[in-house]
């Protein structure tokens, strides 16, 4: 009788594992468009066996923890490049302000003043 119960328990665990895996897949699909979301998966592990009369009887598997799938290299690169982006945006902002100060579109810019300065020396000589 215990063997029939053990077999039924293995079947029940298999169905529960499948149910948890399907719930995780459903969660992944629902959050597919969410920015920053990384896919999850259920880690299936071997269930501890039962020892009967010196022999081990397998008890199937069990759902372990739900883990996040990610690539550490890509995450590190993303973090590095995000820092570079921030630095370059700050640099662009500063250079845009400098460009507005030294506007060369009209003949009143720094280049014109320097040209007039050296033309003045040339007229003196």
N, C-alpha and C. Protein backbone atom coordinates (compact mmCIF):
# COMPACT_ATOMS: atom_id res chain seq x y z
N UNK A 1 0.82 -1.20 0.00
CA UNK A 1 0.00 0.00 0.00
C UNK A 1 0.86 1.26 0.00
N UNK A 2 1.99 1.20 0.72
CA UNK A 2 2.87 2.36 0.79
C UNK A 2 3.46 2.68 -0.57
N UNK A 3 3.69 1.63 -1.38
CA UNK A 3 4.28 1.85 -2.70
C UNK A 3 3.29 2.56 -3.62
N UNK A 4 2.02 2.21 -3.52
CA UNK A 4 1.01 2.87 -4.34
C UNK A 4 0.90 4.34 -3.92
N UNK A 5 0.95 4.57 -2.61
CA UNK A 5 0.90 5.95 -2.11
C UNK A 5 2.10 6.74 -2.60
N UNK A 6 3.29 6.13 -2.60
CA UNK A 6 4.50 6.81 -3.06
C UNK A 6 4.40 7.15 -4.55
N UNK A 7 3.86 6.22 -5.34
CA UNK A 7 3.71 6.48 -6.78
C UNK A 7 2.71 7.61 -7.02
N UNK A 8 1.63 7.61 -6.26
CA UNK A 8 0.65 8.68 -6.39
C UNK A 8 1.26 10.02 -5.99
N UNK A 9 2.11 9.99 -4.97
CA UNK A 9 2.78 11.21 -4.52
C UNK A 9 3.73 11.74 -5.60
N UNK A 10 4.42 10.83 -6.29
CA UNK A 10 5.31 11.24 -7.39
C UNK A 10 4.48 11.93 -8.48
N UNK A 11 3.34 11.35 -8.83
CA UNK A 11 2.46 11.95 -9.83
C UNK A 11 1.94 13.31 -9.40
N UNK A 12 1.56 13.42 -8.12
CA UNK A 12 1.06 14.69 -7.60
C UNK A 12 2.14 15.76 -7.66
N UNK A 13 3.37 15.39 -7.28
CA UNK A 13 4.49 16.35 -7.33
C UNK A 13 4.77 16.79 -8.77
N UNK A 14 4.70 15.84 -9.70
CA UNK A 14 4.95 16.18 -11.11
C UNK A 14 3.92 17.20 -11.59
N UNK A 15 2.67 17.01 -11.21
CA UNK A 15 1.62 17.96 -11.62
C UNK A 15 1.82 19.32 -10.95
N UNK A 16 2.20 19.33 -9.70
CA UNK A 16 2.44 20.59 -8.99
C UNK A 16 3.65 21.33 -9.59
N UNK A 17 4.69 20.56 -9.96
CA UNK A 17 5.86 21.18 -10.59
C UNK A 17 5.47 21.82 -11.92
N UNK A 18 4.67 21.09 -12.70
CA UNK A 18 4.22 21.63 -13.98
C UNK A 18 3.36 22.87 -13.79
N UNK A 19 2.52 22.85 -12.76
CA UNK A 19 1.67 24.00 -12.48
C UNK A 19 2.53 25.22 -12.13
N UNK A 20 3.54 25.03 -11.28
CA UNK A 20 4.40 26.15 -10.92
C UNK A 20 5.19 26.66 -12.13
N UNK A 21 5.65 25.74 -12.97
CA UNK A 21 6.38 26.14 -14.18
C UNK A 21 5.47 26.94 -15.11
N UNK A 22 4.21 26.52 -15.27
CA UNK A 22 3.27 27.25 -16.12
C UNK A 22 2.95 28.63 -15.54
N UNK A 23 2.84 28.72 -14.23
CA UNK A 23 2.60 30.02 -13.60
C UNK A 23 3.78 30.95 -13.85
N UNK A 24 4.99 30.41 -13.79
CA UNK A 24 6.19 31.22 -14.04
C UNK A 24 6.23 31.67 -15.50
N UNK A 25 5.89 30.78 -16.42
CA UNK A 25 5.84 31.14 -17.84
C UNK A 25 4.80 32.24 -18.05
N UNK A 26 3.64 32.09 -17.43
CA UNK A 26 2.59 33.10 -17.53
C UNK A 26 3.08 34.44 -17.01
N UNK A 27 3.79 34.41 -15.89
CA UNK A 27 4.36 35.63 -15.31
C UNK A 27 5.35 36.27 -16.28
N UNK A 28 6.18 35.45 -16.93
CA UNK A 28 7.15 35.96 -17.90
C UNK A 28 6.45 36.62 -19.08
N UNK A 29 5.38 36.00 -19.57
CA UNK A 29 4.65 36.55 -20.71
C UNK A 29 3.98 37.87 -20.33
N UNK A 30 3.39 37.91 -19.14
CA UNK A 30 2.70 39.12 -18.70
C UNK A 30 3.65 40.29 -18.53
N UNK A 31 4.89 40.02 -18.15
CA UNK A 31 5.85 41.10 -17.90
C UNK A 31 6.84 41.29 -19.04
N UNK A 32 6.55 40.72 -20.19
CA UNK A 32 7.47 40.79 -21.33
C UNK A 32 7.82 42.22 -21.71
N UNK A 33 6.84 43.11 -21.69
CA UNK A 33 7.06 44.49 -22.12
C UNK A 33 7.52 45.41 -20.99
N UNK A 34 7.65 44.88 -19.78
CA UNK A 34 8.06 45.70 -18.65
C UNK A 34 9.56 45.97 -18.74
N UNK A 35 9.92 47.25 -18.72
CA UNK A 35 11.33 47.61 -18.80
C UNK A 35 12.06 47.15 -17.54
N UNK A 36 13.21 46.54 -17.73
CA UNK A 36 14.02 46.08 -16.61
C UNK A 36 13.66 44.69 -16.10
N UNK A 37 12.62 44.09 -16.65
CA UNK A 37 12.21 42.76 -16.19
C UNK A 37 13.12 41.72 -16.81
N UNK A 38 13.54 40.76 -16.02
CA UNK A 38 14.31 39.65 -16.59
C UNK A 38 13.53 38.36 -16.35
N UNK A 39 13.63 37.50 -17.31
CA UNK A 39 12.87 36.25 -17.32
C UNK A 39 13.19 35.41 -16.08
N UNK A 40 12.20 34.67 -15.62
CA UNK A 40 12.37 33.78 -14.48
C UNK A 40 12.16 32.34 -14.92
N UNK A 41 12.74 31.43 -14.15
CA UNK A 41 12.52 30.01 -14.44
C UNK A 41 12.52 29.23 -13.13
N UNK A 42 11.83 28.11 -13.14
CA UNK A 42 11.74 27.25 -11.96
C UNK A 42 12.87 26.23 -12.03
N UNK A 43 13.61 26.13 -10.96
CA UNK A 43 14.69 25.14 -10.87
C UNK A 43 14.07 23.83 -10.36
N UNK A 44 14.06 22.81 -11.19
CA UNK A 44 13.52 21.49 -10.80
C UNK A 44 14.67 20.69 -10.21
N UNK A 45 14.44 20.15 -9.01
CA UNK A 45 15.48 19.40 -8.30
C UNK A 45 15.00 17.98 -8.03
N UNK A 46 15.95 17.10 -7.84
CA UNK A 46 15.62 15.71 -7.50
C UNK A 46 15.11 15.65 -6.06
N UNK A 47 14.01 14.95 -5.87
CA UNK A 47 13.47 14.77 -4.51
C UNK A 47 14.30 13.71 -3.79
N UNK A 48 14.47 13.86 -2.49
CA UNK A 48 15.26 12.86 -1.75
C UNK A 48 14.60 11.47 -1.84
N UNK A 49 15.40 10.43 -2.05
CA UNK A 49 14.84 9.08 -2.17
C UNK A 49 14.43 8.51 -0.81
N UNK A 50 13.62 7.48 -0.88
CA UNK A 50 13.23 6.73 0.32
C UNK A 50 14.08 5.47 0.35
N UNK A 51 14.61 5.14 1.53
CA UNK A 51 15.41 3.92 1.67
C UNK A 51 14.51 2.85 2.27
N UNK A 52 14.33 1.74 1.51
CA UNK A 52 13.52 0.61 1.97
C UNK A 52 14.33 -0.66 1.87
N UNK A 53 14.58 -1.28 2.99
CA UNK A 53 15.30 -2.56 2.99
C UNK A 53 16.67 -2.47 2.35
N UNK A 54 17.37 -1.37 2.57
CA UNK A 54 18.71 -1.21 2.02
C UNK A 54 18.73 -0.70 0.60
N UNK A 55 17.59 -0.55 -0.03
CA UNK A 55 17.52 -0.05 -1.41
C UNK A 55 16.90 1.34 -1.41
N UNK A 56 17.36 2.14 -2.32
CA UNK A 56 16.80 3.49 -2.45
C UNK A 56 15.72 3.50 -3.53
N UNK A 57 14.60 4.10 -3.19
CA UNK A 57 13.50 4.23 -4.13
C UNK A 57 13.36 5.71 -4.46
N UNK A 58 13.50 6.03 -5.74
CA UNK A 58 13.40 7.43 -6.17
C UNK A 58 12.01 8.00 -5.94
N UNK A 59 11.96 9.25 -5.61
CA UNK A 59 10.68 9.92 -5.35
C UNK A 59 10.40 11.02 -6.36
N UNK A 60 11.02 10.93 -7.53
CA UNK A 60 10.74 11.92 -8.58
C UNK A 60 11.49 13.21 -8.36
N UNK A 61 10.84 14.31 -8.67
CA UNK A 61 11.49 15.60 -8.51
C UNK A 61 10.56 16.57 -7.79
N UNK A 62 11.12 17.73 -7.48
CA UNK A 62 10.34 18.76 -6.81
C UNK A 62 10.76 20.11 -7.36
N UNK A 63 9.86 21.05 -7.28
CA UNK A 63 10.17 22.40 -7.74
C UNK A 63 11.04 23.07 -6.69
N UNK A 64 12.17 23.59 -7.13
CA UNK A 64 13.05 24.33 -6.23
C UNK A 64 12.67 25.80 -6.25
N UNK A 65 13.66 26.62 -6.21
CA UNK A 65 13.39 28.05 -6.19
C UNK A 65 13.19 28.59 -7.60
N UNK A 66 12.55 29.73 -7.67
CA UNK A 66 12.37 30.44 -8.94
C UNK A 66 13.55 31.41 -9.06
N UNK A 67 14.32 31.25 -10.13
CA UNK A 67 15.51 32.09 -10.30
C UNK A 67 15.34 33.03 -11.49
N UNK A 68 16.06 34.12 -11.42
CA UNK A 68 16.07 35.12 -12.48
C UNK A 68 17.16 34.77 -13.47
N UNK A 69 16.86 34.78 -14.75
CA UNK A 69 17.89 34.51 -15.74
C UNK A 69 18.50 35.83 -16.18
N UNK A 70 19.80 35.90 -16.11
CA UNK A 70 20.48 37.12 -16.53
C UNK A 70 21.89 36.77 -16.98
N UNK A 71 22.51 37.70 -17.65
CA UNK A 71 23.87 37.55 -18.11
C UNK A 71 24.71 38.58 -17.38
N UNK A 72 25.57 38.15 -16.44
CA UNK A 72 26.36 39.12 -15.65
C UNK A 72 27.23 40.03 -16.52
N UNK A 73 27.77 39.51 -17.62
CA UNK A 73 28.62 40.32 -18.50
C UNK A 73 27.81 41.46 -19.11
N UNK A 74 26.61 41.14 -19.60
CA UNK A 74 25.78 42.17 -20.22
C UNK A 74 25.33 43.19 -19.18
N UNK A 75 24.99 42.75 -17.99
CA UNK A 75 24.58 43.69 -16.95
C UNK A 75 25.73 44.63 -16.57
N UNK A 76 26.95 44.10 -16.49
CA UNK A 76 28.11 44.93 -16.17
C UNK A 76 28.36 45.95 -17.27
N UNK A 77 28.26 45.50 -18.53
CA UNK A 77 28.46 46.40 -19.67
C UNK A 77 27.38 47.49 -19.69
N UNK A 78 26.15 47.11 -19.41
CA UNK A 78 25.05 48.07 -19.39
C UNK A 78 25.29 49.14 -18.33
N UNK A 79 25.74 48.71 -17.16
CA UNK A 79 26.02 49.65 -16.08
C UNK A 79 27.16 50.59 -16.48
N UNK A 80 28.20 50.05 -17.09
CA UNK A 80 29.35 50.85 -17.52
C UNK A 80 28.94 51.86 -18.58
N UNK A 81 28.19 51.41 -19.57
CA UNK A 81 27.80 52.30 -20.67
C UNK A 81 26.79 53.35 -20.20
N UNK A 82 25.96 53.02 -19.22
CA UNK A 82 25.03 54.01 -18.67
C UNK A 82 25.80 55.14 -18.02
N UNK A 83 26.89 54.80 -17.31
CA UNK A 83 27.75 55.82 -16.72
C UNK A 83 28.40 56.69 -17.78
N UNK A 84 28.87 56.06 -18.85
CA UNK A 84 29.48 56.80 -19.96
C UNK A 84 28.45 57.74 -20.61
N UNK A 85 27.23 57.26 -20.77
CA UNK A 85 26.18 58.08 -21.37
C UNK A 85 25.94 59.33 -20.52
N UNK A 86 25.84 59.16 -19.21
CA UNK A 86 25.64 60.30 -18.32
C UNK A 86 26.77 61.31 -18.43
N UNK A 87 28.00 60.80 -18.49
CA UNK A 87 29.16 61.68 -18.60
C UNK A 87 29.12 62.46 -19.92
N UNK A 88 28.81 61.77 -21.01
CA UNK A 88 28.78 62.43 -22.32
C UNK A 88 27.62 63.43 -22.42
N UNK A 89 26.50 63.14 -21.78
CA UNK A 89 25.39 64.09 -21.78
C UNK A 89 25.76 65.35 -21.01
N UNK A 90 26.47 65.20 -19.91
CA UNK A 90 26.95 66.36 -19.16
C UNK A 90 27.92 67.18 -19.97
N UNK A 91 28.81 66.50 -20.67
CA UNK A 91 29.79 67.18 -21.53
C UNK A 91 29.08 67.93 -22.66
N UNK A 92 28.08 67.30 -23.26
CA UNK A 92 27.33 67.95 -24.34
C UNK A 92 26.64 69.21 -23.85
N UNK A 93 26.05 69.13 -22.66
CA UNK A 93 25.36 70.28 -22.10
C UNK A 93 26.32 71.44 -21.87
N UNK A 94 27.50 71.15 -21.32
CA UNK A 94 28.49 72.20 -21.06
C UNK A 94 28.98 72.81 -22.37
N UNK A 95 29.26 71.98 -23.37
CA UNK A 95 29.75 72.49 -24.65
C UNK A 95 28.67 73.28 -25.39
N UNK A 96 27.42 72.92 -25.22
CA UNK A 96 26.33 73.68 -25.84
C UNK A 96 26.28 75.09 -25.24
N UNK A 97 26.48 75.20 -23.93
CA UNK A 97 26.50 76.52 -23.29
C UNK A 97 27.68 77.35 -23.77
N UNK A 98 28.85 76.71 -23.90
CA UNK A 98 30.03 77.42 -24.39
C UNK A 98 29.79 77.89 -25.82
N UNK A 99 29.19 77.04 -26.63
CA UNK A 99 28.90 77.40 -28.02
C UNK A 99 27.94 78.59 -28.09
N UNK A 100 26.99 78.66 -27.19
CA UNK A 100 26.06 79.78 -27.17
C UNK A 100 26.77 81.07 -26.77
N UNK A 101 27.74 80.96 -25.86
CA UNK A 101 28.49 82.14 -25.42
C UNK A 101 29.36 82.68 -26.55
N UNK A 102 30.05 81.79 -27.23
CA UNK A 102 30.95 82.18 -28.32
C UNK A 102 30.29 81.94 -29.67
N UNK A 103 29.11 82.49 -29.85
CA UNK A 103 28.35 82.29 -31.08
C UNK A 103 29.07 82.92 -32.26
N UNK A 104 29.37 82.14 -33.28
CA UNK A 104 30.13 82.61 -34.43
C UNK A 104 29.24 82.82 -35.66
N UNK A 105 27.95 82.75 -35.52
CA UNK A 105 27.08 82.86 -36.69
C UNK A 105 27.06 84.29 -37.24
N UNK A 106 27.12 85.25 -36.39
CA UNK A 106 27.18 86.64 -36.84
C UNK A 106 28.63 87.08 -36.79
N UNK A 107 28.94 88.21 -37.38
CA UNK A 107 30.33 88.69 -37.39
C UNK A 107 30.68 89.40 -36.09
N UNK A 108 30.17 88.93 -35.01
CA UNK A 108 30.46 89.53 -33.71
C UNK A 108 31.10 88.52 -32.76
N UNK A 109 31.52 87.40 -33.29
CA UNK A 109 32.05 86.35 -32.44
C UNK A 109 33.51 86.57 -32.07
N UNK A 110 34.03 85.66 -31.31
CA UNK A 110 35.42 85.72 -30.84
C UNK A 110 36.39 85.73 -32.00
N UNK A 111 36.12 84.95 -33.02
CA UNK A 111 36.99 84.89 -34.20
C UNK A 111 37.11 86.27 -34.85
N UNK A 112 36.01 87.01 -34.94
CA UNK A 112 36.04 88.34 -35.55
C UNK A 112 36.85 89.30 -34.69
N UNK A 113 36.72 89.21 -33.37
CA UNK A 113 37.49 90.09 -32.48
C UNK A 113 38.99 89.82 -32.60
N UNK A 114 39.37 88.56 -32.68
CA UNK A 114 40.79 88.21 -32.82
C UNK A 114 41.31 88.68 -34.18
N UNK A 115 40.51 88.51 -35.22
CA UNK A 115 40.91 88.98 -36.56
C UNK A 115 41.11 90.49 -36.55
N UNK A 116 40.19 91.23 -35.95
CA UNK A 116 40.31 92.69 -35.86
C UNK A 116 41.56 93.08 -35.07
N UNK A 117 41.85 92.35 -34.01
CA UNK A 117 43.03 92.63 -33.18
C UNK A 117 44.31 92.52 -34.01
N UNK A 118 44.46 91.42 -34.74
CA UNK A 118 45.67 91.23 -35.54
C UNK A 118 45.70 92.16 -36.76
N UNK A 119 44.55 92.48 -37.31
CA UNK A 119 44.50 93.47 -38.40
C UNK A 119 44.97 94.83 -37.91
N UNK A 120 44.64 95.15 -36.67
CA UNK A 120 45.11 96.41 -36.07
C UNK A 120 46.62 96.44 -35.97
N UNK A 121 47.25 95.33 -35.59
CA UNK A 121 48.72 95.26 -35.55
C UNK A 121 49.31 95.42 -36.95
N UNK A 122 48.64 94.83 -37.92
CA UNK A 122 49.13 94.89 -39.30
C UNK A 122 49.05 96.33 -39.82
N UNK A 123 48.01 97.06 -39.45
CA UNK A 123 47.88 98.45 -39.87
C UNK A 123 48.94 99.32 -39.23
N UNK A 124 49.31 99.01 -37.99
CA UNK A 124 50.35 99.77 -37.30
C UNK A 124 51.72 99.59 -37.94
N UNK A 125 51.98 98.42 -38.48
CA UNK A 125 53.31 98.17 -39.03
C UNK A 125 53.48 98.64 -40.41
